[in-house]
Amino acid sequence: MSTLTRAEAMAADPRIVIIGAGLGGIAVARELLERGIDDFVMVDRQAGFGGTWLRHHYPNVACDTPVQLYSFEFAPNPDWSSNFAPGAEILEYIEKVADEAALTSHLLADTAVVSCVWDEADARWEVRTAGDITWTPQYVIAAVGRFSQPDTRPIPGAEHFTGSVFHAADWPDDLDVTGQRVAVVGGGATSIQVVPWAVQNAAEVVAFIPTPSHVLHKPEQVYGAEDHQRFRDSPEVLEAMREEWHEYYDVAARSRFPFDAAANATAVAAWRKEFEAIVTQPALREILTPDYALGCRRLLFSNDYYQSLIQPQVTVVGERLAALRPHAAVDSDGTEYPVDTVILATGYQTNAWLSDVEVVGADGRTLRDEWAEGPSAYLGMMVNGFPNMFLVDGPNVQIPFITEVLTAHARYIATCVQEAGRVDADLIEVRRSSEDEFNRQLDVRLDRSVLARCDSYYRVGHNGRITSHWPGTPTEIGEILAHIDHSAIDYRSAGMAKEERDSAHA
């Protein structure tokens, strides 16, 4: 079955528009269909399903959460090649889930949404795309993901560089670095996957690592044909593996939320023992040793990153990339390093939800202005002043295996939509008092967590509000999302809503 054509999309009059066809969008669309709600359109700027896994195909891209947890609980897969599956397998899995859920005929691909404007008179959203398609749905569900906006800050002198410069998210299919001098910029999750590839394929590598990460041993298991057959014959084995990893991450969360100094010291000692057994050169140890608490930045897992950095053809620079010259990269001390290719493994603007979409809610309020001090939402889903709009995997609900939040959000949203129909309401909006109290309690807990002990992409600005994580265990957020407090949500008619707003402004 093919995706929607432009003509079909233009003729559609969907009740619901889902922005994004990654894991979040798929979870919501599947849940709606399970409940008999089929008047929706999914729209994605990419060519199909997959989200971040469709875009990212750089070498060694893979899941850094055990895939038994990362995959949907409703769609276990017995055929993974390892418990940290490569990106191509994850994309294949996502496409299969979407196909089996019969979502293809709902998707308009290769189309970006540019604006969502609330029409209070009609209690509808006006959704416009870059292709001049306009829909007027009752509900908008934004499932745009956290890793859709690469962090590509301007590099002085880049226009004069004679080689190629690109972000890992825009990896050239025909890239060949044989015999080249390659610079890899960054010390985070992408870098630990790209650096080993560069060391294996280039003549020389310069790794710019101004802020190193704690990189732990990856407990990888490779699965063969016998394992696949065992998983197919005994699905309870996969279920037990999922439960075991779930408990592992619950235990880990308890040492981070709130911060447990003793548990952290034990974890640091274990990391340091492995690290120093591999990295023996004092100067390199100094560059690669983080100066912040373990866990306040993203923990990484690799069995070849440190091993790659100690190779003789690698130069590790503990400074940032400050500029480019025609044939060289320049660090912040002014030292030049001759290079032919620069790979930016510099991460993503993870607080930029919907930043490329103009979202205008009630009274002309924009989401950009509402979030001027940083993104926030009730349960990561709803923002007062933006009725009938839901976020999937929004602020402050991040846990290590996000599919559990995605499916919980999908159930929550679908339940709210059905509840509105049951009580004959046109509008669904979180109460301001409920949203404010939820975020107040979040901030209190987050301020006691390990995340508050350093600056990171989990925060807005330098030491700003933490906008990423759930400040507790995965089990806790799952239980909270499973029980909807309808008293925190305002279900009402469009006419009543307008009267209330007019009265508030009188």
Protein backbone atom coordinates (compact mmCIF):
# COMPACT_ATOMS: atom_id res chain seq x y z
CA MET A 1 0.00 0.00 0.00
CA SER A 2 1.40 3.40 -0.95
CA THR A 3 1.50 6.63 1.03
CA LEU A 4 -0.91 9.49 0.41
CA THR A 5 -0.49 11.40 -2.82
CA ARG A 6 -0.48 15.18 -2.78
CA ALA A 7 -3.91 15.23 -4.42
CA GLU A 8 -5.33 12.84 -1.83
CA ALA A 9 -3.82 14.89 0.98
CA MET A 10 -5.27 18.12 -0.38
CA ALA A 11 -8.70 16.52 -0.56
CA ALA A 12 -8.49 15.09 2.95
CA ASP A 13 -10.44 16.65 5.81
CA PRO A 14 -8.82 14.96 8.81
CA ARG A 15 -10.12 15.36 12.33
CA ILE A 16 -6.58 14.78 13.62
CA VAL A 17 -3.20 15.71 12.17
CA ILE A 18 -0.15 13.88 13.51
CA ILE A 19 3.15 15.68 12.84
CA GLY A 20 5.94 13.13 12.61
CA ALA A 21 6.17 9.52 11.43
CA GLY A 22 8.83 8.24 13.80
CA LEU A 23 8.26 6.02 16.80
CA GLY A 24 6.04 8.58 18.55
CA GLY A 25 3.78 9.22 15.58
CA ILE A 26 3.46 5.50 14.93
CA ALA A 27 2.51 4.80 18.56
CA VAL A 28 -0.27 7.40 18.45
CA ALA A 29 -1.60 6.42 15.03
CA ARG A 30 -1.69 2.75 15.95
CA GLU A 31 -3.54 3.50 19.21
CA LEU A 32 -6.13 5.60 17.39
CA LEU A 33 -6.81 2.83 14.90
CA GLU A 34 -7.05 0.29 17.73
CA ARG A 35 -9.89 2.42 19.12
CA GLY A 36 -11.68 2.81 15.81
CA ILE A 37 -10.50 6.37 15.17
CA ASP A 38 -9.29 6.52 11.57
CA ASP A 39 -9.93 10.11 10.43
CA PHE A 40 -6.34 11.27 10.79
CA VAL A 41 -3.40 12.19 8.59
CA MET A 42 0.27 11.72 9.45
CA VAL A 43 2.71 14.16 7.86
CA ASP A 44 6.49 13.97 7.83
CA ARG A 45 9.17 15.97 6.03
CA GLN A 46 11.11 12.78 5.32
CA ALA A 47 10.38 10.13 2.71
CA GLY A 48 8.67 7.64 5.00
CA PHE A 49 8.43 6.14 8.45
CA GLY A 50 11.39 6.03 10.80
CA GLY A 51 12.08 9.49 12.21
CA THR A 52 15.65 9.79 13.44
CA TRP A 53 16.44 6.29 12.20
CA LEU A 54 15.44 7.18 8.64
CA ARG A 55 17.60 10.28 8.62
CA HIS A 56 20.69 8.95 10.34
CA HIS A 57 22.80 6.44 8.46
CA TYR A 58 26.32 7.39 9.50
CA PRO A 59 28.72 4.47 10.20
CA ASN A 60 28.12 2.46 13.36
CA VAL A 61 24.85 4.24 14.17
CA ALA A 62 23.10 1.96 16.63
CA CYS A 63 20.80 1.83 19.64
CA ASP A 64 22.52 2.54 22.97
CA THR A 65 19.61 1.13 24.97
CA PRO A 66 19.06 -2.66 25.00
CA VAL A 67 16.79 -3.17 22.05
CA GLN A 68 14.47 -5.49 23.97
CA LEU A 69 13.47 -2.33 25.86
CA TYR A 70 13.79 0.13 22.99
CA SER A 71 11.38 -1.81 20.79
CA PHE A 72 7.66 -1.55 21.43
CA GLU A 73 6.28 -3.90 24.06
CA PHE A 74 3.37 -4.68 21.74
CA ALA A 75 5.76 -5.65 18.93
CA PRO A 76 8.63 -7.82 20.23
CA ASN A 77 11.18 -8.82 17.61
CA PRO A 78 12.97 -12.19 17.82
CA ASP A 79 15.36 -11.42 14.96
CA TRP A 80 17.68 -8.69 16.27
CA SER A 81 21.34 -9.30 15.45
CA SER A 82 22.35 -8.02 18.89
CA ASN A 83 20.90 -6.43 21.98
CA PHE A 84 22.28 -3.06 20.77
CA ALA A 85 20.87 -3.22 17.26
CA PRO A 86 22.32 -1.20 14.37
CA GLY A 87 20.31 1.64 12.87
CA ALA A 88 19.40 -0.17 9.65
CA GLU A 89 17.73 -2.98 11.63
CA ILE A 90 15.81 -0.51 13.78
CA LEU A 91 14.55 1.29 10.67
CA GLU A 92 13.45 -2.02 9.16
CA TYR A 93 11.64 -2.84 12.42
CA ILE A 94 9.87 0.55 12.49
CA GLU A 95 8.73 0.19 8.89
CA LYS A 96 7.41 -3.29 9.64
CA VAL A 97 5.45 -2.05 12.69
CA ALA A 98 3.93 0.77 10.64
CA ASP A 99 3.01 -1.62 7.83
CA GLU A 100 1.44 -4.19 10.16
CA ALA A 101 -0.59 -1.42 11.82
CA ALA A 102 -1.89 -0.33 8.38
CA LEU A 103 -0.54 3.21 8.75
CA THR A 104 0.92 3.68 5.26
CA SER A 105 -2.30 4.96 3.70
CA HIS A 106 -2.46 7.70 6.35
CA LEU A 107 1.02 9.14 5.67
CA LEU A 108 1.87 12.18 3.59
CA ALA A 109 5.65 12.02 3.22
CA ASP A 110 8.23 14.54 1.99
CA THR A 111 6.13 17.36 3.40
CA ALA A 112 7.01 19.77 6.20
CA VAL A 113 4.46 21.49 8.40
CA VAL A 114 5.22 25.21 8.60
CA SER A 115 2.43 26.55 10.82
CA CYS A 116 -0.35 25.57 13.20
CA VAL A 117 -2.72 28.43 14.08
CA TRP A 118 -5.66 28.05 16.46
CA ASP A 119 -8.99 29.39 15.21
CA GLU A 120 -10.98 30.10 18.35
CA ALA A 121 -14.23 30.87 16.52
CA ASP A 122 -14.34 27.44 14.89
CA ALA A 123 -12.40 25.59 17.60
CA ARG A 124 -10.08 24.20 14.94
CA TRP A 125 -6.43 24.33 14.06
CA GLU A 126 -5.30 25.61 10.69
CA VAL A 127 -2.33 23.47 9.69
CA ARG A 128 -0.30 24.60 6.68
CA THR A 129 2.48 22.70 4.94
CA ALA A 130 5.41 23.87 2.85
CA GLY A 131 3.53 22.49 -0.17
CA ASP A 132 0.59 24.86 0.43
CA ILE A 133 -1.70 22.13 1.70
CA THR A 134 -4.04 23.37 4.43
CA TRP A 135 -6.03 21.25 6.85
CA THR A 136 -8.41 22.37 9.61
CA PRO A 137 -8.33 19.51 12.13
CA GLN A 138 -9.86 19.52 15.57
CA TYR A 139 -6.68 18.07 17.06
CA VAL A 140 -2.95 18.40 16.38
CA ILE A 141 -0.54 15.83 17.80
CA ALA A 142 3.13 16.79 17.54
CA ALA A 143 5.44 13.76 17.55
CA VAL A 144 8.55 15.47 16.21
CA GLY A 145 11.19 13.81 18.39
CA ARG A 146 14.21 15.15 20.25
CA PHE A 147 16.89 14.54 17.63
CA SER A 148 15.51 16.24 14.56
CA GLN A 149 17.45 19.54 14.65
CA PRO A 150 21.25 19.13 14.29
CA ASP A 151 23.38 21.55 16.28
CA THR A 152 25.33 23.20 13.45
CA ARG A 153 26.67 26.47 14.78
CA PRO A 154 28.67 28.59 12.30
CA ILE A 155 32.42 27.89 12.19
CA PRO A 156 34.57 30.95 11.39
CA GLY A 157 36.42 30.42 8.12
CA ALA A 158 34.31 27.46 7.00
CA GLU A 159 33.66 29.17 3.67
CA HIS A 160 37.39 29.07 2.90
CA PHE A 161 37.95 25.43 3.83
CA THR A 162 38.85 23.43 0.71
CA GLY A 163 37.67 20.07 2.05
CA SER A 164 34.21 18.89 3.06
CA VAL A 165 32.42 19.83 6.29
CA PHE A 166 29.19 18.16 7.33
CA HIS A 167 27.15 17.15 10.35
CA ALA A 168 26.87 13.41 10.93
CA ALA A 169 23.12 13.71 10.39
CA ASP A 170 23.86 14.68 6.77
CA TRP A 171 26.33 11.90 6.04
CA PRO A 172 27.26 11.73 2.33
CA ASP A 173 26.47 8.34 0.83
CA ASP A 174 29.59 8.42 -1.33
CA LEU A 175 32.07 9.45 1.38
CA ASP A 176 35.50 7.86 1.02
CA VAL A 177 38.21 8.99 3.46
CA THR A 178 40.89 6.55 2.36
CA GLY A 179 44.26 8.24 2.73
CA GLN A 180 42.69 11.38 4.20
CA ARG A 181 43.22 13.35 7.38
CA VAL A 182 39.85 13.50 9.13
CA ALA A 183 38.71 15.68 12.01
CA VAL A 184 35.85 14.45 14.20
CA VAL A 185 34.37 17.18 16.39
CA GLY A 186 32.53 16.26 19.59
CA GLY A 187 32.73 13.87 22.51
CA GLY A 188 29.16 12.65 22.79
CA ALA A 189 26.92 9.84 21.59
CA THR A 190 27.51 10.32 17.86
CA SER A 191 31.25 10.78 18.26
CA ILE A 192 31.76 7.45 20.02
CA GLN A 193 30.26 5.72 16.99
CA VAL A 194 31.96 7.79 14.26
CA VAL A 195 35.48 7.94 15.73
CA PRO A 196 36.17 4.17 15.53
CA TRP A 197 35.03 4.17 11.89
CA ALA A 198 37.27 7.14 11.07
CA VAL A 199 40.27 5.49 12.74
CA GLN A 200 39.70 2.31 10.73
CA ASN A 201 39.32 4.11 7.37
CA ALA A 202 41.35 7.35 7.37
CA ALA A 203 45.11 7.83 7.31
CA GLU A 204 45.02 10.24 10.27
CA VAL A 205 42.33 11.36 12.70
CA VAL A 206 42.13 14.50 14.81
CA ALA A 207 39.48 14.18 17.53
CA PHE A 208 38.33 17.48 19.05
CA ILE A 209 36.93 16.61 22.49
CA PRO A 210 36.49 19.77 24.57
CA THR A 211 34.01 18.04 26.89
CA PRO A 212 34.63 14.30 27.33
CA SER A 213 31.97 11.78 28.31
CA HIS A 214 31.88 8.88 30.70
CA VAL A 215 32.04 5.95 28.29
CA LEU A 216 31.18 2.61 29.87
CA HIS A 217 31.63 -0.97 28.70
CA LYS A 218 28.76 -2.00 26.42
CA PRO A 219 27.27 -5.34 27.57
CA GLU A 220 26.66 -6.44 24.01
CA GLN A 221 25.29 -9.84 23.06
CA VAL A 222 25.34 -11.07 19.47
CA TYR A 223 22.45 -13.28 18.41
CA GLY A 224 22.57 -16.04 15.82
CA ALA A 225 20.06 -18.34 14.15
CA GLU A 226 19.68 -20.55 17.23
CA ASP A 227 18.90 -17.52 19.40
CA HIS A 228 16.34 -16.25 16.90
CA GLN A 229 14.58 -19.61 16.87
CA ARG A 230 14.60 -19.74 20.67
CA PHE A 231 13.07 -16.25 20.87
CA ARG A 232 10.38 -17.24 18.35
CA ASP A 233 9.57 -20.48 20.13
CA SER A 234 9.66 -18.95 23.62
CA PRO A 235 8.47 -15.32 23.53
CA GLU A 236 8.52 -15.33 27.32
CA VAL A 237 12.33 -15.26 27.08
CA LEU A 238 12.21 -11.85 25.37
CA GLU A 239 9.65 -10.68 27.91
CA ALA A 240 11.93 -11.74 30.78
CA MET A 241 14.88 -9.92 29.20
CA ARG A 242 12.77 -6.78 28.92
CA GLU A 243 11.71 -7.01 32.56
CA GLU A 244 15.30 -7.57 33.69
CA TRP A 245 16.53 -4.47 31.88
CA HIS A 246 13.53 -2.50 33.16
CA GLU A 247 14.52 -3.29 36.73
CA TYR A 248 18.14 -2.38 35.96
CA TYR A 249 17.13 1.11 34.83
CA ASP A 250 14.78 1.54 37.78
CA VAL A 251 17.69 0.83 40.13
CA ALA A 252 19.97 3.20 38.21
CA ALA A 253 17.36 5.98 38.36
CA ARG A 254 17.14 5.72 42.14
CA SER A 255 20.80 6.73 42.43
CA ARG A 256 20.31 9.77 40.18
CA PHE A 257 16.91 11.05 41.36
CA PRO A 258 17.75 12.29 43.93
CA PHE A 259 21.54 12.30 43.69
CA ASP A 260 23.17 9.54 45.75
CA ALA A 261 26.82 10.49 46.39
CA ALA A 262 27.85 7.04 47.61
CA ALA A 263 26.31 5.21 44.67
CA ASN A 264 27.84 7.75 42.30
CA ALA A 265 31.31 7.26 43.79
CA THR A 266 30.99 3.50 43.31
CA ALA A 267 29.99 3.97 39.68
CA VAL A 268 32.87 6.40 39.06
CA ALA A 269 35.35 3.93 40.54
CA ALA A 270 34.10 1.19 38.22
CA TRP A 271 34.33 3.52 35.20
CA ARG A 272 37.82 4.70 36.17
CA LYS A 273 39.13 1.14 36.56
CA GLU A 274 38.08 0.24 33.01
CA PHE A 275 39.15 3.59 31.59
CA GLU A 276 42.64 3.57 33.05
CA ALA A 277 43.24 -0.03 32.00
CA ILE A 278 42.81 1.11 28.38
CA VAL A 279 44.09 4.71 28.43
CA THR A 280 47.53 4.60 30.03
CA GLN A 281 49.08 7.84 28.75
CA PRO A 282 48.72 10.56 31.45
CA ALA A 283 48.15 13.46 29.03
CA LEU A 284 45.41 11.58 27.19
CA ARG A 285 43.81 10.53 30.46
CA GLU A 286 43.61 14.17 31.47
CA ILE A 287 41.84 15.16 28.25
CA LEU A 288 39.38 12.26 28.41
CA THR A 289 38.51 12.48 32.12
CA PRO A 290 35.23 14.33 32.72
CA ASP A 291 35.26 17.04 35.39
CA TYR A 292 31.62 16.56 36.36
CA ALA A 293 29.52 14.02 38.22
CA LEU A 294 28.90 10.76 36.39
CA GLY A 295 25.32 10.76 35.10
CA CYS A 296 24.71 14.51 34.88
CA ARG A 297 25.47 14.22 31.18
CA ARG A 298 24.47 11.36 28.94
CA LEU A 299 26.14 8.07 29.84
CA LEU A 300 27.63 6.35 26.81
CA PHE A 301 28.46 2.72 26.02
CA SER A 302 31.19 1.49 23.67
CA ASN A 303 33.77 -1.26 23.43
CA ASP A 304 36.00 0.44 20.85
CA TYR A 305 35.94 4.21 21.49
CA TYR A 306 38.79 4.52 24.00
CA GLN A 307 40.62 1.77 22.14
CA SER A 308 40.45 3.86 18.96
CA LEU A 309 41.69 7.05 20.59
CA ILE A 310 44.94 5.45 21.74
CA GLN A 311 45.98 4.46 18.22
CA PRO A 312 49.18 6.11 16.87
CA GLN A 313 47.46 7.82 13.91
CA VAL A 314 45.05 9.66 16.25
CA THR A 315 45.58 13.10 17.76
CA VAL A 316 43.22 13.95 20.60
CA VAL A 317 42.65 17.66 21.17
CA GLY A 318 41.06 18.76 24.44
CA GLU A 319 39.98 22.10 22.99
CA ARG A 320 37.02 23.14 20.88
CA LEU A 321 37.19 23.62 17.13
CA ALA A 322 37.46 27.41 16.89
CA ALA A 323 37.95 28.01 13.17
CA LEU A 324 38.76 26.54 9.79
CA ARG A 325 41.44 27.60 7.35
CA PRO A 326 41.79 26.39 3.75
CA HIS A 327 43.57 23.16 4.68
CA ALA A 328 43.39 23.04 8.46
CA ALA A 329 41.24 22.95 11.58
CA VAL A 330 42.18 25.39 14.35
CA ASP A 331 41.58 24.85 18.06
CA SER A 332 40.77 27.51 20.64
CA ASP A 333 44.48 27.90 21.46
CA GLY A 334 45.23 28.76 17.83
CA THR A 335 46.97 25.48 16.98
CA GLU A 336 46.44 24.30 13.40
CA TYR A 337 45.81 20.68 12.41
CA PRO A 338 45.99 19.84 8.70
CA VAL A 339 42.77 18.02 7.69
CA ASP A 340 40.87 17.13 4.53
CA THR A 341 37.43 16.36 5.96
CA VAL A 342 35.61 17.67 9.05
CA ILE A 343 32.81 15.60 10.58
CA LEU A 344 30.64 17.44 13.09
CA ALA A 345 29.45 14.96 15.69
CA THR A 346 28.13 17.90 17.70
CA GLY A 347 24.71 16.66 18.68
CA TYR A 348 21.27 18.17 18.39
CA GLN A 349 19.15 21.05 19.61
CA THR A 350 17.20 18.81 21.93
CA ASN A 351 15.13 21.66 23.40
CA ALA A 352 13.96 22.84 19.99
CA TRP A 353 10.60 21.07 19.87
CA LEU A 354 8.55 22.49 16.98
CA SER A 355 11.08 25.31 16.54
CA ASP A 356 10.66 25.18 12.77
CA VAL A 357 6.85 25.36 13.02
CA GLU A 358 5.02 28.59 13.84
CA VAL A 359 2.53 27.53 16.53
CA VAL A 360 -0.04 30.15 17.50
CA GLY A 361 -2.54 29.28 20.21
CA ALA A 362 -5.42 31.07 21.92
CA ASP A 363 -5.26 34.88 22.08
CA GLY A 364 -2.45 34.88 19.51
CA ARG A 365 0.07 33.42 21.94
CA THR A 366 2.95 31.65 20.22
CA LEU A 367 4.54 28.51 21.58
CA ARG A 368 7.93 30.13 20.99
CA ASP A 369 7.04 32.97 23.38
CA GLU A 370 5.41 30.58 25.86
CA TRP A 371 8.67 28.68 26.00
CA ALA A 372 11.00 31.66 26.09
CA GLU A 373 12.41 30.42 29.43
CA GLY A 374 12.51 26.82 28.27
CA PRO A 375 10.01 24.15 27.18
CA SER A 376 7.55 22.86 29.75
CA ALA A 377 4.30 20.93 29.58
CA TYR A 378 1.90 18.98 31.74
CA LEU A 379 3.10 15.36 31.72
CA GLY A 380 5.20 16.25 28.68
CA MET A 381 1.99 16.49 26.63
CA MET A 382 -0.18 19.58 27.13
CA VAL A 383 0.40 23.33 27.37
CA ASN A 384 -2.26 25.71 28.66
CA GLY A 385 -3.33 28.18 25.98
CA PHE A 386 -2.89 25.62 23.20
CA PRO A 387 -6.14 23.63 23.30
CA ASN A 388 -6.51 20.38 21.39
CA MET A 389 -2.76 20.16 20.89
CA PHE A 390 -0.76 17.28 22.32
CA LEU A 391 2.98 16.65 22.39
CA VAL A 392 4.43 13.15 22.27
CA ASP A 393 7.65 12.74 24.24
CA GLY A 394 7.68 16.42 25.16
CA PRO A 395 9.57 18.11 28.00
CA ASN A 396 10.62 16.24 31.15
CA VAL A 397 9.49 12.71 30.38
CA GLN A 398 12.74 11.27 29.04
CA ILE A 399 13.68 7.82 30.31
CA PRO A 400 16.29 5.42 28.85
CA PHE A 401 13.74 3.43 26.83
CA ILE A 402 11.42 6.03 25.39
CA THR A 403 8.98 3.63 23.70
CA GLU A 404 7.31 3.07 27.06
CA VAL A 405 6.54 6.79 27.32
CA LEU A 406 5.45 6.92 23.68
CA THR A 407 2.87 4.15 24.10
CA ALA A 408 1.68 5.63 27.40
CA HIS A 409 1.30 9.06 25.78
CA ALA A 410 -0.59 7.46 22.88
CA ARG A 411 -3.05 5.79 25.25
CA TYR A 412 -3.46 9.00 27.26
CA ILE A 413 -4.13 11.14 24.20
CA ALA A 414 -6.58 8.69 22.66
CA THR A 415 -8.43 8.44 25.98
CA CYS A 416 -8.72 12.23 26.22
CA VAL A 417 -10.09 12.44 22.70
CA GLN A 418 -12.68 9.79 23.51
CA GLU A 419 -13.55 11.48 26.80
CA ALA A 420 -14.19 14.76 24.95
CA GLY A 421 -16.61 12.91 22.70
CA ARG A 422 -18.33 11.29 25.67
CA VAL A 423 -18.99 14.63 27.42
CA ASP A 424 -19.74 16.43 24.13
CA ALA A 425 -16.79 18.82 24.47
CA ASP A 426 -15.10 20.66 21.61
CA LEU A 427 -11.96 21.52 23.54
CA ILE A 428 -9.37 19.73 25.64
CA GLU A 429 -6.97 21.97 27.59
CA VAL A 430 -4.85 21.40 30.66
CA ARG A 431 -5.72 23.78 33.48
CA ARG A 432 -3.05 26.41 34.12
CA SER A 433 -2.99 25.59 37.83
CA SER A 434 -2.43 21.90 37.09
CA GLU A 435 0.37 22.60 34.64
CA ASP A 436 2.10 25.05 36.97
CA GLU A 437 1.92 22.73 39.97
CA PHE A 438 3.18 19.78 37.95
CA ASN A 439 6.22 21.75 36.78
CA ARG A 440 6.85 23.21 40.24
CA GLN A 441 7.10 19.74 41.71
CA LEU A 442 9.28 18.62 38.79
CA ASP A 443 11.74 21.45 39.35
CA VAL A 444 12.04 20.67 43.07
CA ARG A 445 12.91 17.06 42.30
CA LEU A 446 15.21 17.90 39.40
CA ASP A 447 17.16 20.37 41.52
CA ARG A 448 18.02 17.47 43.86
CA SER A 449 19.12 15.21 41.00
CA VAL A 450 22.50 14.49 39.47
CA LEU A 451 21.41 16.47 36.39
CA ALA A 452 21.69 19.70 38.39
CA ARG A 453 25.41 19.12 38.95
CA CYS A 454 26.68 20.25 35.54
CA ASP A 455 25.75 22.07 32.35
CA SER A 456 24.46 19.83 29.56
CA TYR A 457 22.01 19.60 26.69
CA TYR A 458 19.48 18.46 29.26
CA ARG A 459 19.19 22.13 30.25
CA VAL A 460 18.18 25.37 28.56
CA GLY A 461 21.11 27.74 28.31
CA HIS A 462 23.96 27.77 30.81
CA ASN A 463 22.75 26.07 34.00
CA GLY A 464 19.16 26.83 33.02
CA ARG A 465 16.05 24.77 33.67
CA ILE A 466 16.36 21.02 33.14
CA THR A 467 13.87 20.22 30.37
CA SER A 468 14.68 16.63 29.50
CA HIS A 469 14.35 13.92 32.11
CA TRP A 470 11.69 12.45 34.27
CA PRO A 471 13.09 12.84 37.83
CA GLY A 472 12.29 9.34 38.97
CA THR A 473 12.11 5.74 37.85
CA PRO A 474 10.67 4.51 34.54
CA THR A 475 8.12 2.51 36.52
CA GLU A 476 6.90 5.67 38.25
CA ILE A 477 6.26 7.67 35.07
CA GLY A 478 4.56 4.64 33.54
CA GLU A 479 2.17 4.37 36.48
CA ILE A 480 1.41 8.10 36.44
CA LEU A 481 0.60 8.11 32.73
CA ALA A 482 -1.59 5.03 33.11
CA HIS A 483 -4.07 6.88 35.35
CA ILE A 484 -5.56 10.05 33.88
CA ASP A 485 -6.55 12.77 36.32
CA HIS A 486 -9.40 14.26 34.34
CA SER A 487 -9.84 16.98 36.97
CA ALA A 488 -6.54 18.49 35.75
CA ILE A 489 -8.01 18.85 32.26
CA ASP A 490 -10.70 21.25 31.07
CA TYR A 491 -13.22 19.67 28.69
CA ARG A 492 -15.61 22.33 27.39
CA SER A 493 -17.53 23.69 24.44
CA ALA A 494 -16.04 26.23 22.07
CA GLY A 495 -18.64 28.85 22.98
CA MET A 496 -17.94 28.50 26.69
CA ALA A 497 -14.21 28.82 26.07
CA LYS A 498 -14.63 32.07 24.17
CA GLU A 499 -16.88 33.54 26.88
CA GLU A 500 -14.32 32.65 29.55
CA ARG A 501 -11.47 34.28 27.63
CA ASP A 502 -13.51 37.39 26.88
CA SER A 503 -14.39 37.68 30.55
CA ALA A 504 -10.76 37.28 31.59
CA HIS A 505 -9.75 40.15 29.28
CA ALA A 506 -12.62 42.47 30.29
